[in-house]
PDB file of N, CA and C in Angstrom:
ATOM      1  N   MET A   1     101.716 300.621-142.710  1.00  0.00           N
ATOM      2  CA  MET A   1     103.256 300.805-141.874  1.00  0.00           C
ATOM      3  C   MET A   1     103.264 302.406-142.696  1.00  0.00           C
ATOM      4  N   SER A   2     103.991 303.149-141.311  1.00  0.00           N
ATOM      5  CA  SER A   2     104.675 304.353-141.389  1.00  0.00           C
ATOM      6  C   SER A   2     106.015 304.264-141.132  1.00  0.00           C
ATOM      7  N   ARG A   3     106.484 305.824-142.705  1.00  0.00           N
ATOM      8  CA  ARG A   3     108.104 305.389-142.342  1.00  0.00           C
ATOM      9  C   ARG A   3     108.266 307.440-142.384  1.00  0.00           C
ATOM     10  N   PRO A   4     109.692 307.757-141.402  1.00  0.00           N
ATOM     11  CA  PRO A   4     110.570 308.786-141.633  1.00  0.00           C
ATOM     12  C   PRO A   4     110.054 310.078-142.135  1.00  0.00           C
ATOM     13  N   ILE A   5     109.678 311.259-142.153  1.00  0.00           N
ATOM     14  CA  ILE A   5     109.762 311.936-143.799  1.00  0.00           C
ATOM     15  C   ILE A   5     110.440 313.581-142.551  1.00  0.00           C
ATOM     16  N   ILE A   6     111.704 313.851-143.347  1.00  0.00           N
ATOM     17  CA  ILE A   6     112.411 314.784-142.438  1.00  0.00           C
ATOM     18  C   ILE A   6     112.016 315.772-143.940  1.00  0.00           C
ATOM     19  N   ASN A   7     111.831 316.918-142.523  1.00  0.00           N
ATOM     20  CA  ASN A   7     111.443 318.186-142.444  1.00  0.00           C
ATOM     21  C   ASN A   7     113.802 318.911-142.796  1.00  0.00           C
ATOM     22  N   LYS A   8     113.060 319.008-144.454  1.00  0.00           N
ATOM     23  CA  LYS A   8     114.670 319.486-144.626  1.00  0.00           C
ATOM     24  C   LYS A   8     114.859 321.493-143.972  1.00  0.00           C
ATOM     25  N   ASP A   9     114.022 321.563-144.341  1.00  0.00           N
ATOM     26  CA  ASP A   9     113.866 322.947-143.554  1.00  0.00           C
ATOM     27  C   ASP A   9     114.188 323.057-142.629  1.00  0.00           C
ATOM     28  N   ASP A  10     113.791 321.984-141.468  1.00  0.00           N
ATOM     29  CA  ASP A  10     114.491 322.560-139.321  1.00  0.00           C
ATOM     30  C   ASP A  10     114.888 320.927-139.828  1.00  0.00           C
ATOM     31  N   CYS A  11     115.730 320.935-140.128  1.00  0.00           N
ATOM     32  CA  CYS A  11     116.739 319.405-140.242  1.00  0.00           C
ATOM     33  C   CYS A  11     117.714 320.766-139.700  1.00  0.00           C
ATOM     34  N   THR A  12     118.692 320.082-139.331  1.00  0.00           N
ATOM     35  CA  THR A  12     120.223 320.768-139.018  1.00  0.00           C
ATOM     36  C   THR A  12     121.103 319.915-139.487  1.00  0.00           C
ATOM     37  N   GLY A  13     121.350 318.568-139.095  1.00  0.00           N
ATOM     38  CA  GLY A  13     122.562 317.798-139.725  1.00  0.00           C
ATOM     39  C   GLY A  13     122.789 316.863-138.429  1.00  0.00           C
ATOM     40  N   CYS A  14     122.095 317.291-137.317  1.00  0.00           N
ATOM     41  CA  CYS A  14     123.333 316.835-136.432  1.00  0.00           C
ATOM     42  C   CYS A  14     123.552 315.427-136.383  1.00  0.00           C
ATOM     43  N   GLY A  15     123.200 314.441-136.677  1.00  0.00           N
ATOM     44  CA  GLY A  15     122.976 312.867-136.123  1.00  0.00           C
ATOM     45  C   GLY A  15     122.542 312.112-135.386  1.00  0.00           C
ATOM     46  N   ILE A  16     122.001 313.543-134.572  1.00  0.00           N
ATOM     47  CA  ILE A  16     120.735 312.320-133.329  1.00  0.00           C
ATOM     48  C   ILE A  16     120.502 311.862-134.138  1.00  0.00           C
ATOM     49  N   CYS A  17     119.465 311.061-134.471  1.00  0.00           N
ATOM     50  CA  CYS A  17     118.430 309.997-135.550  1.00  0.00           C
ATOM     51  C   CYS A  17     119.352 308.923-135.704  1.00  0.00           C
ATOM     52  N   VAL A  18     120.275 309.873-136.852  1.00  0.00           N
ATOM     53  CA  VAL A  18     121.399 308.452-137.392  1.00  0.00           C
ATOM     54  C   VAL A  18     121.693 307.413-136.296  1.00  0.00           C
ATOM     55  N   ASP A  19     121.937 308.576-135.116  1.00  0.00           N
ATOM     56  CA  ASP A  19     122.326 307.028-134.620  1.00  0.00           C
ATOM     57  C   ASP A  19     121.525 306.722-132.844  1.00  0.00           C
ATOM     58  N   ALA A  20     119.997 306.506-133.064  1.00  0.00           N
ATOM     59  CA  ALA A  20     119.309 306.546-132.381  1.00  0.00           C
ATOM     60  C   ALA A  20     118.465 305.047-133.649  1.00  0.00           C
ATOM     61  N   CYS A  21     118.958 305.383-134.740  1.00  0.00           N
ATOM     62  CA  CYS A  21     118.164 304.535-135.604  1.00  0.00           C
ATOM     63  C   CYS A  21     119.272 302.873-135.467  1.00  0.00           C
ATOM     64  N   PRO A  22     118.274 301.956-135.131  1.00  0.00           N
ATOM     65  CA  PRO A  22     118.773 300.345-134.642  1.00  0.00           C
ATOM     66  C   PRO A  22     118.694 299.743-136.172  1.00  0.00           C
ATOM     67  N   THR A  23     117.965 300.485-137.500  1.00  0.00           N
ATOM     68  CA  THR A  23     118.351 299.586-138.176  1.00  0.00           C
ATOM     69  C   THR A  23     119.060 299.825-139.808  1.00  0.00           C
ATOM     70  N   GLY A  24     120.238 301.812-139.396  1.00  0.00           N
ATOM     71  CA  GLY A  24     120.719 302.151-140.054  1.00  0.00           C
ATOM     72  C   GLY A  24     119.880 302.483-141.470  1.00  0.00           C
ATOM     73  N   VAL A  25     118.528 302.801-141.666  1.00  0.00           N
ATOM     74  CA  VAL A  25     118.031 303.568-142.412  1.00  0.00           C
ATOM     75  C   VAL A  25     118.003 305.322-142.732  1.00  0.00           C
ATOM     76  N   LEU A  26     118.561 305.711-141.805  1.00  0.00           N
ATOM     77  CA  LEU A  26     118.964 307.415-142.113  1.00  0.00           C
ATOM     78  C   LEU A  26     120.688 307.411-142.298  1.00  0.00           C
ATOM     79  N   ASP A  27     121.081 308.923-142.889  1.00  0.00           N
ATOM     80  CA  ASP A  27     122.120 308.960-143.408  1.00  0.00           C
ATOM     81  C   ASP A  27     121.701 310.590-143.105  1.00  0.00           C
ATOM     82  N   ILE A  28     123.012 311.645-143.056  1.00  0.00           N
ATOM     83  CA  ILE A  28     123.559 312.984-143.250  1.00  0.00           C
ATOM     84  C   ILE A  28     123.977 313.143-144.945  1.00  0.00           C
ATOM     85  N   SER A  29     122.943 313.633-145.494  1.00  0.00           N
ATOM     86  CA  SER A  29     123.696 313.857-146.666  1.00  0.00           C
ATOM     87  C   SER A  29     123.504 315.550-147.803  1.00  0.00           C
ATOM     88  N   ARG A  30     124.400 316.217-146.970  1.00  0.00           N
ATOM     89  CA  ARG A  30     123.718 317.924-147.418  1.00  0.00           C
ATOM     90  C   ARG A  30     123.313 318.877-146.657  1.00  0.00           C
ATOM     91  N   ASP A  31     123.947 318.327-145.462  1.00  0.00           N
ATOM     92  CA  ASP A  31     123.330 318.928-144.145  1.00  0.00           C
ATOM     93  C   ASP A  31     122.385 318.005-143.283  1.00  0.00           C
ATOM     94  N   HIS A  32     122.098 317.824-144.223  1.00  0.00           N
ATOM     95  CA  HIS A  32     120.198 317.395-143.859  1.00  0.00           C
ATOM     96  C   HIS A  32     120.349 316.192-143.198  1.00  0.00           C
ATOM     97  N   ALA A  33     119.219 315.160-143.215  1.00  0.00           N
ATOM     98  CA  ALA A  33     118.855 313.850-142.567  1.00  0.00           C
ATOM     99  C   ALA A  33     118.840 313.382-143.494  1.00  0.00           C
ATOM    100  N   VAL A  34     118.822 312.036-144.067  1.00  0.00           N
ATOM    101  CA  VAL A  34     117.656 311.150-145.648  1.00  0.00           C
ATOM    102  C   VAL A  34     117.948 309.740-144.375  1.00  0.00           C
ATOM    103  N   VAL A  35     116.714 309.368-145.608  1.00  0.00           N
ATOM    104  CA  VAL A  35     115.986 307.782-145.801  1.00  0.00           C
ATOM    105  C   VAL A  35     116.901 307.283-146.413  1.00  0.00           C
ATOM    106  N   GLU A  36     117.855 306.476-145.655  1.00  0.00           N
ATOM    107  CA  GLU A  36     118.559 306.017-147.693  1.00  0.00           C
ATOM    108  C   GLU A  36     118.021 304.342-147.522  1.00  0.00           C
ATOM    109  N   ASN A  37     117.639 303.108-147.065  1.00  0.00           N
ATOM    110  CA  ASN A  37     116.832 302.914-147.168  1.00  0.00           C
ATOM    111  C   ASN A  37     115.251 301.791-146.188  1.00  0.00           C
ATOM    112  N   GLU A  38     114.337 303.067-147.260  1.00  0.00           N
ATOM    113  CA  GLU A  38     113.258 302.951-146.939  1.00  0.00           C
ATOM    114  C   GLU A  38     112.565 301.972-146.059  1.00  0.00           C
ATOM    115  N   ASP A  39     112.594 300.552-147.375  1.00  0.00           N
ATOM    116  CA  ASP A  39     112.228 298.697-146.670  1.00  0.00           C
ATOM    117  C   ASP A  39     113.062 298.419-145.653  1.00  0.00           C
ATOM    118  N   ASP A  40     113.901 299.305-145.174  1.00  0.00           N
ATOM    119  CA  ASP A  40     114.258 298.825-144.205  1.00  0.00           C
ATOM    120  C   ASP A  40     113.404 298.972-141.943  1.00  0.00           C
ATOM    121  N   CYS A  41     113.551 300.185-143.059  1.00  0.00           N
ATOM    122  CA  CYS A  41     112.988 301.147-141.827  1.00  0.00           C
ATOM    123  C   CYS A  41     111.958 300.234-140.333  1.00  0.00           C
ATOM    124  N   THR A  42     111.831 300.549-139.676  1.00  0.00           N
ATOM    125  CA  THR A  42     110.934 299.340-139.105  1.00  0.00           C
ATOM    126  C   THR A  42     109.977 300.279-137.775  1.00  0.00           C
ATOM    127  N   ALA A  43     109.897 301.557-138.203  1.00  0.00           N
ATOM    128  CA  ALA A  43     109.203 302.551-138.211  1.00  0.00           C
ATOM    129  C   ALA A  43     108.744 302.910-136.871  1.00  0.00           C
ATOM    130  N   CYS A  44     109.728 302.418-135.541  1.00  0.00           N
ATOM    131  CA  CYS A  44     109.916 302.605-134.260  1.00  0.00           C
ATOM    132  C   CYS A  44     109.400 303.936-132.908  1.00  0.00           C
ATOM    133  N   GLY A  45     109.838 304.599-134.966  1.00  0.00           N
ATOM    134  CA  GLY A  45     110.310 305.680-133.890  1.00  0.00           C
ATOM    135  C   GLY A  45     111.449 306.607-132.978  1.00  0.00           C
ATOM    136  N   ASN A  46     112.664 306.322-133.240  1.00  0.00           N
ATOM    137  CA  ASN A  46     113.623 306.660-132.326  1.00  0.00           C
ATOM    138  C   ASN A  46     113.808 307.862-132.786  1.00  0.00           C
ATOM    139  N   CYS A  47     113.880 307.665-134.383  1.00  0.00           N
ATOM    140  CA  CYS A  47     114.808 309.221-135.021  1.00  0.00           C
ATOM    141  C   CYS A  47     113.672 310.465-134.281  1.00  0.00           C
ATOM    142  N   MET A  48     112.251 310.118-134.277  1.00  0.00           N
ATOM    143  CA  MET A  48     111.200 310.944-134.193  1.00  0.00           C
ATOM    144  C   MET A  48     111.544 311.646-132.537  1.00  0.00           C
ATOM    145  N   GLU A  49     111.783 310.702-131.197  1.00  0.00           N
ATOM    146  CA  GLU A  49     111.541 311.106-130.417  1.00  0.00           C
ATOM    147  C   GLU A  49     113.102 311.954-130.231  1.00  0.00           C
ATOM    148  N   GLU A  50     113.825 311.633-131.165  1.00  0.00           N
ATOM    149  CA  GLU A  50     115.453 311.641-130.942  1.00  0.00           C
ATOM    150  C   GLU A  50     115.848 312.975-131.490  1.00  0.00           C
ATOM    151  N   CYS A  51     114.592 313.297-132.472  1.00  0.00           N
ATOM    152  CA  CYS A  51     115.240 314.339-133.173  1.00  0.00           C
ATOM    153  C   CYS A  51     114.942 316.118-132.539  1.00  0.00           C
ATOM    154  N   PRO A  52     115.918 316.661-131.858  1.00  0.00           N
ATOM    155  CA  PRO A  52     115.637 317.810-131.593  1.00  0.00           C
ATOM    156  C   PRO A  52     114.988 319.100-132.261  1.00  0.00           C
ATOM    157  N   MET A  53     115.462 318.740-133.145  1.00  0.00           N
ATOM    158  CA  MET A  53     114.433 319.972-134.107  1.00  0.00           C
ATOM    159  C   MET A  53     113.173 319.635-134.254  1.00  0.00           C
ATOM    160  N   GLY A  54     112.911 318.507-133.918  1.00  0.00           N
ATOM    161  CA  GLY A  54     111.085 318.169-134.215  1.00  0.00           C
ATOM    162  C   GLY A  54     111.333 318.242-135.775  1.00  0.00           C
ATOM    163  N   ALA A  55     112.000 317.657-136.716  1.00  0.00           N
ATOM    164  CA  ALA A  55     112.650 317.459-137.821  1.00  0.00           C
ATOM    165  C   ALA A  55     112.087 316.380-138.601  1.00  0.00           C
ATOM    166  N   ILE A  56     111.344 314.845-138.121  1.00  0.00           N
ATOM    167  CA  ILE A  56     111.067 314.333-138.423  1.00  0.00           C
ATOM    168  C   ILE A  56     109.705 314.001-138.378  1.00  0.00           C
ATOM    169  N   GLU A  57     109.076 313.209-138.796  1.00  0.00           N
ATOM    170  CA  GLU A  57     107.265 313.141-138.799  1.00  0.00           C
ATOM    171  C   GLU A  57     107.302 311.547-139.418  1.00  0.00           C
ATOM    172  N   ASP A  58     106.287 311.021-138.993  1.00  0.00           N
ATOM    173  CA  ASP A  58     105.836 309.819-139.512  1.00  0.00           C
ATOM    174  C   ASP A  58     104.259 309.981-140.766  1.00  0.00           C
ATOM    175  N   ILE A  59     104.413 309.612-141.673  1.00  0.00           N
ATOM    176  CA  ILE A  59     103.527 309.248-142.899  1.00  0.00           C
ATOM    177  C   ILE A  59     102.910 307.940-142.659  1.00  0.00           C
ATOM    178  N   GLU A  60     101.319 307.546-142.628  1.00  0.00           N
ATOM    179  CA  GLU A  60     101.399 305.650-142.598  1.00  0.00           C
ATOM    180  C   GLU A  60     101.441 305.783-143.670  1.00  0.00           C
ATOM    181  N   GLU A  61     101.747 304.599-145.474  1.00  0.00           N
ATOM    182  CA  GLU A  61     101.205 303.897-146.198  1.00  0.00           C
ATOM    183  C   GLU A  61     100.798 302.399-145.489  1.00  0.00           C
ATOM    184  N   ASP A  62     100.251 302.722-147.147  1.00  0.00           N
ATOM    185  CA  ASP A  62      99.542 301.108-147.243  1.00  0.00           C
ATOM    186  C   ASP A  62     100.471 299.603-147.915  1.00  0.00           C
TER     187      ASP A  62
END
């Protein structure tokens, strides 16, 4: 299963990824996006597709 990783240096905290997430696992904290509920992430990729800064990547986990 994969999960999103947010590059805090590239993230501007615009919130587009938060709005794009169908399961609500993302939030904005201290001016950048954070993954709040990793277990609820479905790895749909919406956040990565919508991020205008390209600040979100996915990482494969077992």
